[in-house]
């Protein structure tokens, strides 16, 4: 599916429990994946989520309202050099986000809320991004997950 540019919940069943996208090149035909947005918000049963390989055009990842427990963005698993927006609102089961060792220099928006479904909204004034800065909205029930944040991101 190297030609796929956007993936959203409208194309998937709401009962989806597992999602895996492997963008590693095949030996016989290397083509770069074109996907720029992955939005699985509202797939309430989604608990297993995996990205693999190189996704050089991926700018936005929205897993809001899912049961995902771990999001692995380490470079050993997936390369997302231009990922700008990560949305994890209403993700009550979230326990860990694994970031690349050198951080995410392109990240401009990080929204995490593990408090539950009623908290899936970003404050209205939050959408106004400042050039060159990462905006972070984080609300979680257990502060031991503070290590989830990438290097260079101010602690909440």
N, C-alpha and C. Protein backbone atom coordinates (compact mmCIF):
# COMPACT_ATOMS: atom_id res chain seq x y z
N UNK A 1 0.83 -1.21 0.00
CA UNK A 1 0.00 0.00 0.00
C UNK A 1 0.87 1.25 0.00
N UNK A 2 1.95 1.27 -0.76
CA UNK A 2 2.86 2.42 -0.73
C UNK A 2 2.21 3.69 -1.27
N UNK A 3 1.15 3.56 -2.05
CA UNK A 3 0.47 4.73 -2.59
C UNK A 3 -0.55 5.34 -1.65
N UNK A 4 -0.87 4.66 -0.56
CA UNK A 4 -1.83 5.15 0.42
C UNK A 4 -1.32 6.45 1.04
N UNK A 5 -2.15 7.50 1.03
CA UNK A 5 -1.72 8.80 1.56
C UNK A 5 -2.36 9.13 2.89
N UNK A 6 -3.57 8.64 3.14
CA UNK A 6 -4.29 8.96 4.37
C UNK A 6 -5.06 7.72 4.81
N UNK A 7 -5.05 7.46 6.09
CA UNK A 7 -5.83 6.36 6.64
C UNK A 7 -6.68 6.91 7.76
N UNK A 8 -7.99 6.75 7.64
CA UNK A 8 -8.89 7.27 8.65
C UNK A 8 -9.92 6.24 9.06
N UNK A 9 -10.62 6.50 10.16
CA UNK A 9 -11.57 5.54 10.69
C UNK A 9 -12.76 5.28 9.77
N UNK A 10 -13.03 6.19 8.85
CA UNK A 10 -14.14 5.99 7.93
C UNK A 10 -13.93 4.80 7.01
N UNK A 11 -12.68 4.38 6.84
CA UNK A 11 -12.37 3.26 5.96
C UNK A 11 -12.19 1.95 6.73
N UNK A 12 -12.35 2.01 8.05
CA UNK A 12 -12.10 0.83 8.89
C UNK A 12 -13.32 0.51 9.75
N UNK A 13 -13.50 -0.75 10.09
CA UNK A 13 -14.62 -1.10 10.97
C UNK A 13 -14.36 -0.59 12.39
N UNK A 14 -15.39 -0.07 13.08
CA UNK A 14 -15.19 0.42 14.45
C UNK A 14 -14.79 -0.68 15.42
N UNK A 15 -14.98 -1.94 15.03
CA UNK A 15 -14.63 -3.07 15.90
C UNK A 15 -13.15 -3.48 15.75
N UNK A 16 -12.38 -2.72 14.99
CA UNK A 16 -10.96 -3.02 14.76
C UNK A 16 -10.22 -3.14 16.10
N UNK A 17 -9.50 -4.24 16.28
CA UNK A 17 -8.76 -4.48 17.53
C UNK A 17 -7.26 -4.40 17.34
N UNK A 18 -6.79 -4.61 16.12
CA UNK A 18 -5.35 -4.65 15.86
C UNK A 18 -5.05 -3.95 14.54
N UNK A 19 -3.94 -3.19 14.53
CA UNK A 19 -3.54 -2.50 13.30
C UNK A 19 -2.02 -2.56 13.20
N UNK A 20 -1.53 -2.95 12.03
CA UNK A 20 -0.10 -3.01 11.78
C UNK A 20 0.18 -2.48 10.38
N UNK A 21 1.13 -1.59 10.26
CA UNK A 21 1.55 -1.05 8.97
C UNK A 21 3.05 -1.27 8.85
N UNK A 22 3.44 -2.10 7.90
CA UNK A 22 4.84 -2.42 7.69
C UNK A 22 5.30 -1.75 6.40
N UNK A 23 6.14 -0.73 6.53
CA UNK A 23 6.62 0.02 5.37
C UNK A 23 8.07 -0.30 5.05
N UNK A 24 8.52 -1.45 5.50
CA UNK A 24 9.89 -1.85 5.16
C UNK A 24 9.93 -2.22 3.68
N UNK A 25 11.01 -1.86 3.00
CA UNK A 25 11.09 -2.14 1.56
C UNK A 25 11.20 -3.63 1.27
N UNK A 26 10.55 -4.04 0.19
CA UNK A 26 10.71 -5.41 -0.29
C UNK A 26 12.01 -5.48 -1.07
N UNK A 27 12.61 -6.61 -1.11
CA UNK A 27 13.89 -6.77 -1.80
C UNK A 27 13.77 -6.55 -3.30
N UNK A 28 12.63 -6.90 -3.87
CA UNK A 28 12.48 -6.83 -5.32
C UNK A 28 11.97 -5.48 -5.83
N UNK A 29 11.43 -4.62 -4.93
CA UNK A 29 10.83 -3.40 -5.42
C UNK A 29 10.74 -2.37 -4.30
N UNK A 30 11.71 -1.46 -4.23
CA UNK A 30 11.68 -0.45 -3.18
C UNK A 30 10.88 0.76 -3.64
N UNK A 31 9.81 1.04 -2.92
CA UNK A 31 9.03 2.24 -3.16
C UNK A 31 8.77 2.88 -1.80
N UNK A 32 8.92 4.18 -1.74
CA UNK A 32 8.75 4.91 -0.50
C UNK A 32 7.26 5.06 -0.17
N UNK A 33 6.89 4.80 1.08
CA UNK A 33 5.50 4.96 1.53
C UNK A 33 5.12 6.44 1.49
N UNK A 34 3.92 6.73 1.01
CA UNK A 34 3.47 8.11 0.85
C UNK A 34 2.54 8.57 1.96
N UNK A 35 2.17 7.71 2.87
CA UNK A 35 1.17 8.05 3.87
C UNK A 35 1.61 9.24 4.73
N UNK A 36 0.70 10.21 4.89
CA UNK A 36 1.02 11.41 5.66
C UNK A 36 0.16 11.54 6.92
N UNK A 37 -1.00 10.89 6.95
CA UNK A 37 -1.89 10.96 8.11
C UNK A 37 -2.44 9.58 8.44
N UNK A 38 -2.33 9.22 9.71
CA UNK A 38 -2.97 8.01 10.21
C UNK A 38 -3.89 8.46 11.33
N UNK A 39 -5.18 8.30 11.11
CA UNK A 39 -6.19 8.72 12.08
C UNK A 39 -7.08 7.53 12.38
N UNK A 40 -6.89 6.95 13.55
CA UNK A 40 -7.70 5.82 13.97
C UNK A 40 -8.56 6.23 15.17
N UNK A 41 -8.76 7.52 15.33
CA UNK A 41 -9.57 8.05 16.43
C UNK A 41 -10.96 7.45 16.37
N UNK A 42 -11.42 7.00 17.52
CA UNK A 42 -12.76 6.44 17.59
C UNK A 42 -12.83 4.94 17.39
N UNK A 43 -11.74 4.30 17.02
CA UNK A 43 -11.71 2.84 16.93
C UNK A 43 -11.54 2.33 18.37
N UNK A 44 -12.64 2.34 19.11
CA UNK A 44 -12.62 2.13 20.56
C UNK A 44 -12.07 0.78 21.01
N UNK A 45 -12.05 -0.20 20.14
CA UNK A 45 -11.53 -1.53 20.52
C UNK A 45 -10.07 -1.72 20.14
N UNK A 46 -9.49 -0.77 19.44
CA UNK A 46 -8.10 -0.90 19.00
C UNK A 46 -7.16 -0.93 20.20
N UNK A 47 -6.45 -2.04 20.36
CA UNK A 47 -5.51 -2.16 21.47
C UNK A 47 -4.09 -2.46 21.00
N UNK A 48 -3.95 -3.11 19.86
CA UNK A 48 -2.63 -3.42 19.33
C UNK A 48 -2.36 -2.54 18.11
N UNK A 49 -1.32 -1.70 18.21
CA UNK A 49 -0.98 -0.78 17.13
C UNK A 49 0.52 -0.86 16.88
N UNK A 50 0.90 -1.06 15.61
CA UNK A 50 2.32 -1.20 15.29
C UNK A 50 2.63 -0.53 13.96
N UNK A 51 3.66 0.29 13.95
CA UNK A 51 4.23 0.85 12.73
C UNK A 51 5.63 0.30 12.60
N UNK A 52 6.01 -0.08 11.36
CA UNK A 52 7.36 -0.59 11.11
C UNK A 52 7.89 0.00 9.82
N UNK A 53 9.20 0.17 9.77
CA UNK A 53 9.84 0.62 8.54
C UNK A 53 9.95 2.14 8.46
N UNK A 54 10.05 2.63 7.24
CA UNK A 54 10.26 4.05 7.01
C UNK A 54 8.97 4.72 6.52
N UNK A 55 8.54 5.72 7.26
CA UNK A 55 7.35 6.50 6.90
C UNK A 55 7.79 7.97 6.80
N UNK A 56 8.53 8.33 5.74
CA UNK A 56 9.13 9.65 5.65
C UNK A 56 8.14 10.80 5.46
N UNK A 57 6.90 10.50 5.10
CA UNK A 57 5.93 11.55 4.87
C UNK A 57 4.90 11.66 5.99
N UNK A 58 4.97 10.80 7.00
CA UNK A 58 3.98 10.81 8.06
C UNK A 58 4.12 12.08 8.90
N UNK A 59 3.05 12.87 8.94
CA UNK A 59 3.02 14.12 9.69
C UNK A 59 2.11 14.05 10.90
N UNK A 60 1.05 13.23 10.83
CA UNK A 60 0.08 13.20 11.92
C UNK A 60 -0.32 11.78 12.27
N UNK A 61 -0.39 11.53 13.58
CA UNK A 61 -0.82 10.25 14.10
C UNK A 61 -1.85 10.52 15.19
N UNK A 62 -3.08 10.06 14.97
CA UNK A 62 -4.15 10.29 15.93
C UNK A 62 -4.75 8.95 16.34
N UNK A 63 -4.52 8.57 17.58
CA UNK A 63 -5.05 7.33 18.12
C UNK A 63 -6.03 7.62 19.25
N UNK A 64 -6.63 8.78 19.25
CA UNK A 64 -7.55 9.19 20.30
C UNK A 64 -8.72 8.22 20.43
N UNK A 65 -9.09 7.97 21.69
CA UNK A 65 -10.25 7.12 21.95
C UNK A 65 -10.02 5.64 21.73
N UNK A 66 -8.76 5.23 21.65
CA UNK A 66 -8.45 3.81 21.46
C UNK A 66 -7.98 3.20 22.78
N UNK A 67 -7.76 1.90 22.78
CA UNK A 67 -7.27 1.18 23.96
C UNK A 67 -5.77 0.88 23.86
N UNK A 68 -5.08 1.60 23.02
CA UNK A 68 -3.64 1.38 22.83
C UNK A 68 -2.91 1.57 24.16
N UNK A 69 -2.04 0.61 24.49
CA UNK A 69 -1.29 0.66 25.74
C UNK A 69 0.11 1.22 25.54
N UNK A 70 0.72 0.89 24.40
CA UNK A 70 2.09 1.33 24.12
C UNK A 70 2.18 1.85 22.69
N UNK A 71 2.84 2.97 22.54
CA UNK A 71 3.13 3.52 21.22
C UNK A 71 4.64 3.52 21.07
N UNK A 72 5.16 2.74 20.13
CA UNK A 72 6.61 2.61 19.94
C UNK A 72 7.03 3.40 18.70
N UNK A 73 7.72 4.50 18.93
CA UNK A 73 8.23 5.35 17.85
C UNK A 73 9.75 5.32 17.79
N UNK A 74 10.37 4.33 18.42
CA UNK A 74 11.83 4.25 18.41
C UNK A 74 12.32 3.96 17.00
N UNK A 75 13.49 4.46 16.67
CA UNK A 75 14.02 4.32 15.31
C UNK A 75 14.38 2.87 14.97
N UNK A 76 14.51 2.01 15.97
CA UNK A 76 14.76 0.59 15.68
C UNK A 76 13.52 -0.05 15.07
N UNK A 77 12.34 0.54 15.33
CA UNK A 77 11.08 -0.03 14.87
C UNK A 77 10.54 0.73 13.66
N UNK A 78 10.47 2.05 13.76
CA UNK A 78 9.87 2.87 12.70
C UNK A 78 10.64 4.18 12.59
N UNK A 79 10.75 4.69 11.37
CA UNK A 79 11.40 5.98 11.15
C UNK A 79 10.30 6.95 10.71
N UNK A 80 10.07 7.97 11.54
CA UNK A 80 9.06 8.99 11.26
C UNK A 80 9.72 10.37 11.43
N UNK A 81 10.65 10.72 10.54
CA UNK A 81 11.45 11.93 10.73
C UNK A 81 10.66 13.23 10.66
N UNK A 82 9.48 13.22 10.06
CA UNK A 82 8.72 14.46 9.93
C UNK A 82 7.39 14.43 10.67
N UNK A 83 7.27 13.53 11.64
CA UNK A 83 6.05 13.47 12.44
C UNK A 83 5.92 14.77 13.22
N UNK A 84 4.80 15.47 13.01
CA UNK A 84 4.59 16.78 13.61
C UNK A 84 3.51 16.77 14.70
N UNK A 85 2.49 15.92 14.53
CA UNK A 85 1.36 15.94 15.46
C UNK A 85 1.05 14.53 15.95
N UNK A 86 0.99 14.39 17.29
CA UNK A 86 0.62 13.12 17.91
C UNK A 86 -0.55 13.40 18.85
N UNK A 87 -1.66 12.71 18.60
CA UNK A 87 -2.88 12.90 19.38
C UNK A 87 -3.27 11.59 20.06
N UNK A 88 -3.38 11.62 21.38
CA UNK A 88 -3.74 10.45 22.16
C UNK A 88 -4.74 10.88 23.24
N UNK A 89 -5.85 11.44 22.82
CA UNK A 89 -6.86 11.94 23.76
C UNK A 89 -7.84 10.82 24.10
N UNK A 90 -8.18 10.71 25.38
CA UNK A 90 -9.12 9.68 25.81
C UNK A 90 -8.55 8.28 25.78
N UNK A 91 -7.24 8.15 25.84
CA UNK A 91 -6.57 6.84 25.80
C UNK A 91 -6.32 6.37 27.24
N UNK A 92 -7.34 5.84 27.87
CA UNK A 92 -7.26 5.44 29.27
C UNK A 92 -6.25 4.32 29.53
N UNK A 93 -6.01 3.47 28.54
CA UNK A 93 -5.13 2.32 28.71
C UNK A 93 -3.66 2.64 28.44
N UNK A 94 -3.36 3.84 27.95
CA UNK A 94 -1.99 4.20 27.57
C UNK A 94 -1.04 4.08 28.77
N UNK A 95 0.03 3.35 28.58
CA UNK A 95 1.01 3.13 29.65
C UNK A 95 2.41 3.59 29.27
N UNK A 96 2.70 3.66 27.96
CA UNK A 96 4.06 4.06 27.57
C UNK A 96 4.08 4.57 26.14
N UNK A 97 4.93 5.57 25.94
CA UNK A 97 5.28 6.03 24.60
C UNK A 97 6.79 5.92 24.53
N UNK A 98 7.27 5.17 23.56
CA UNK A 98 8.70 4.98 23.40
C UNK A 98 9.16 5.90 22.26
N UNK A 99 10.01 6.87 22.58
CA UNK A 99 10.45 7.89 21.64
C UNK A 99 11.82 7.55 21.07
N UNK A 100 12.17 8.10 19.92
CA UNK A 100 13.53 7.92 19.39
C UNK A 100 14.55 8.52 20.37
N UNK A 101 15.72 7.93 20.39
CA UNK A 101 16.76 8.37 21.32
C UNK A 101 17.10 9.85 21.17
N UNK A 102 17.08 10.35 19.94
CA UNK A 102 17.42 11.75 19.70
C UNK A 102 16.21 12.68 19.72
N UNK A 103 15.08 12.17 20.17
CA UNK A 103 13.87 12.99 20.25
C UNK A 103 13.16 13.10 18.92
N UNK A 104 12.25 14.06 18.84
CA UNK A 104 11.43 14.27 17.65
C UNK A 104 11.50 15.75 17.30
N UNK A 105 12.50 16.16 16.53
CA UNK A 105 12.72 17.58 16.28
C UNK A 105 11.60 18.27 15.52
N UNK A 106 10.80 17.54 14.77
CA UNK A 106 9.72 18.16 13.98
C UNK A 106 8.40 18.25 14.75
N UNK A 107 8.32 17.66 15.94
CA UNK A 107 7.07 17.61 16.68
C UNK A 107 6.62 19.02 17.07
N UNK A 108 5.40 19.38 16.66
CA UNK A 108 4.85 20.69 16.99
C UNK A 108 3.62 20.60 17.88
N UNK A 109 2.98 19.44 17.92
CA UNK A 109 1.77 19.29 18.72
C UNK A 109 1.73 17.91 19.34
N UNK A 110 1.63 17.86 20.66
CA UNK A 110 1.53 16.61 21.39
C UNK A 110 0.36 16.73 22.35
N UNK A 111 -0.66 15.90 22.15
CA UNK A 111 -1.85 15.93 23.01
C UNK A 111 -2.07 14.55 23.58
N UNK A 112 -1.99 14.46 24.91
CA UNK A 112 -2.20 13.19 25.59
C UNK A 112 -3.18 13.42 26.73
N UNK A 113 -4.20 12.57 26.81
CA UNK A 113 -5.13 12.64 27.92
C UNK A 113 -5.58 11.22 28.23
N UNK A 114 -5.16 10.70 29.37
CA UNK A 114 -5.49 9.33 29.75
C UNK A 114 -6.66 9.29 30.73
N UNK A 115 -7.34 10.42 30.92
CA UNK A 115 -8.41 10.48 31.92
C UNK A 115 -9.72 9.86 31.46
N UNK A 116 -9.91 9.65 30.19
CA UNK A 116 -11.13 9.00 29.75
C UNK A 116 -11.81 9.69 28.59
N UNK A 117 -12.90 9.09 28.18
CA UNK A 117 -13.62 9.51 26.98
C UNK A 117 -14.12 10.94 27.02
N UNK A 118 -14.58 11.40 28.17
CA UNK A 118 -15.12 12.75 28.25
C UNK A 118 -14.05 13.83 28.08
N UNK A 119 -12.81 13.44 28.08
CA UNK A 119 -11.72 14.41 27.98
C UNK A 119 -11.05 14.40 26.62
N UNK A 120 -11.77 14.15 25.56
CA UNK A 120 -11.19 14.04 24.23
C UNK A 120 -11.09 15.36 23.49
N UNK A 121 -11.20 16.45 24.18
CA UNK A 121 -11.14 17.75 23.49
C UNK A 121 -9.92 18.54 23.92
N UNK A 122 -9.35 19.21 22.96
CA UNK A 122 -8.22 20.10 23.24
C UNK A 122 -8.80 21.46 23.60
N UNK A 123 -8.25 22.15 24.59
CA UNK A 123 -8.73 23.50 24.88
C UNK A 123 -8.72 24.36 23.62
N UNK A 124 -9.77 25.18 23.39
CA UNK A 124 -9.90 25.95 22.14
C UNK A 124 -8.70 26.83 21.79
N UNK A 125 -8.09 27.46 22.77
CA UNK A 125 -6.96 28.35 22.49
C UNK A 125 -5.66 27.59 22.24
N UNK A 126 -5.67 26.30 22.45
CA UNK A 126 -4.47 25.49 22.31
C UNK A 126 -4.05 25.29 20.86
N UNK A 127 -4.97 25.35 19.92
CA UNK A 127 -4.68 25.09 18.52
C UNK A 127 -3.78 26.14 17.87
N UNK A 128 -3.60 27.27 18.49
CA UNK A 128 -2.76 28.31 17.89
C UNK A 128 -1.30 28.01 18.19
N UNK A 129 -0.62 27.46 17.19
CA UNK A 129 0.76 27.04 17.36
C UNK A 129 1.72 28.21 17.22
N UNK A 130 2.77 28.15 18.01
CA UNK A 130 3.83 29.15 17.90
C UNK A 130 4.91 28.59 17.00
N UNK A 131 5.39 29.39 16.07
CA UNK A 131 6.42 28.92 15.13
C UNK A 131 7.64 28.38 15.86
N UNK A 132 8.05 27.18 15.47
CA UNK A 132 9.27 26.60 16.00
C UNK A 132 9.16 26.00 17.38
N UNK A 133 7.99 25.97 17.96
CA UNK A 133 7.83 25.43 19.31
C UNK A 133 6.86 24.26 19.30
N UNK A 134 7.07 23.36 20.23
CA UNK A 134 6.15 22.24 20.40
C UNK A 134 5.14 22.60 21.47
N UNK A 135 3.87 22.49 21.12
CA UNK A 135 2.80 22.70 22.09
C UNK A 135 2.43 21.33 22.64
N UNK A 136 2.32 21.24 23.97
CA UNK A 136 1.96 19.97 24.58
C UNK A 136 0.81 20.16 25.54
N UNK A 137 -0.21 19.33 25.38
CA UNK A 137 -1.34 19.27 26.29
C UNK A 137 -1.33 17.87 26.85
N UNK A 138 -1.08 17.75 28.15
CA UNK A 138 -0.96 16.43 28.76
C UNK A 138 -1.79 16.39 30.04
N UNK A 139 -2.63 15.39 30.13
CA UNK A 139 -3.41 15.14 31.35
C UNK A 139 -3.42 13.64 31.56
N UNK A 140 -2.83 13.21 32.67
CA UNK A 140 -2.77 11.78 32.93
C UNK A 140 -3.06 11.51 34.39
N UNK A 141 -3.54 10.33 34.63
CA UNK A 141 -3.91 9.93 35.99
C UNK A 141 -2.72 9.47 36.82
N UNK A 142 -1.67 8.98 36.20
CA UNK A 142 -0.54 8.42 36.92
C UNK A 142 0.74 9.12 36.48
N UNK A 143 1.32 9.91 37.34
CA UNK A 143 2.49 10.71 36.99
C UNK A 143 3.76 9.88 36.76
N UNK A 144 3.75 8.59 37.07
CA UNK A 144 4.96 7.80 36.81
C UNK A 144 5.24 7.66 35.32
N UNK A 145 4.27 8.04 34.49
CA UNK A 145 4.46 7.94 33.05
C UNK A 145 5.07 9.20 32.48
N UNK A 146 5.59 10.07 33.32
CA UNK A 146 6.20 11.31 32.86
C UNK A 146 7.42 11.03 31.96
N UNK A 147 8.05 9.85 32.12
CA UNK A 147 9.19 9.50 31.28
C UNK A 147 8.79 9.27 29.83
N UNK A 148 7.50 9.35 29.53
CA UNK A 148 7.03 9.15 28.16
C UNK A 148 7.42 10.30 27.24
N UNK A 149 7.85 11.41 27.77
CA UNK A 149 8.03 12.59 26.95
C UNK A 149 9.37 12.63 26.25
N UNK A 150 9.37 13.08 24.98
CA UNK A 150 10.62 13.12 24.21
C UNK A 150 11.58 14.14 24.78
N UNK A 151 12.85 13.96 24.49
CA UNK A 151 13.87 14.92 24.91
C UNK A 151 13.55 16.28 24.32
N UNK A 152 13.81 17.30 25.11
CA UNK A 152 13.61 18.65 24.63
C UNK A 152 12.21 19.17 24.85
N UNK A 153 11.28 18.32 25.27
CA UNK A 153 9.92 18.76 25.53
C UNK A 153 9.85 19.18 26.99
N UNK A 154 9.35 20.36 27.28
CA UNK A 154 9.27 20.79 28.67
C UNK A 154 8.33 19.88 29.46
N UNK A 155 8.69 19.59 30.67
CA UNK A 155 7.85 18.75 31.53
C UNK A 155 6.56 19.50 31.84
N UNK A 156 5.43 18.77 31.91
CA UNK A 156 4.15 19.42 32.19
C UNK A 156 4.09 19.94 33.59
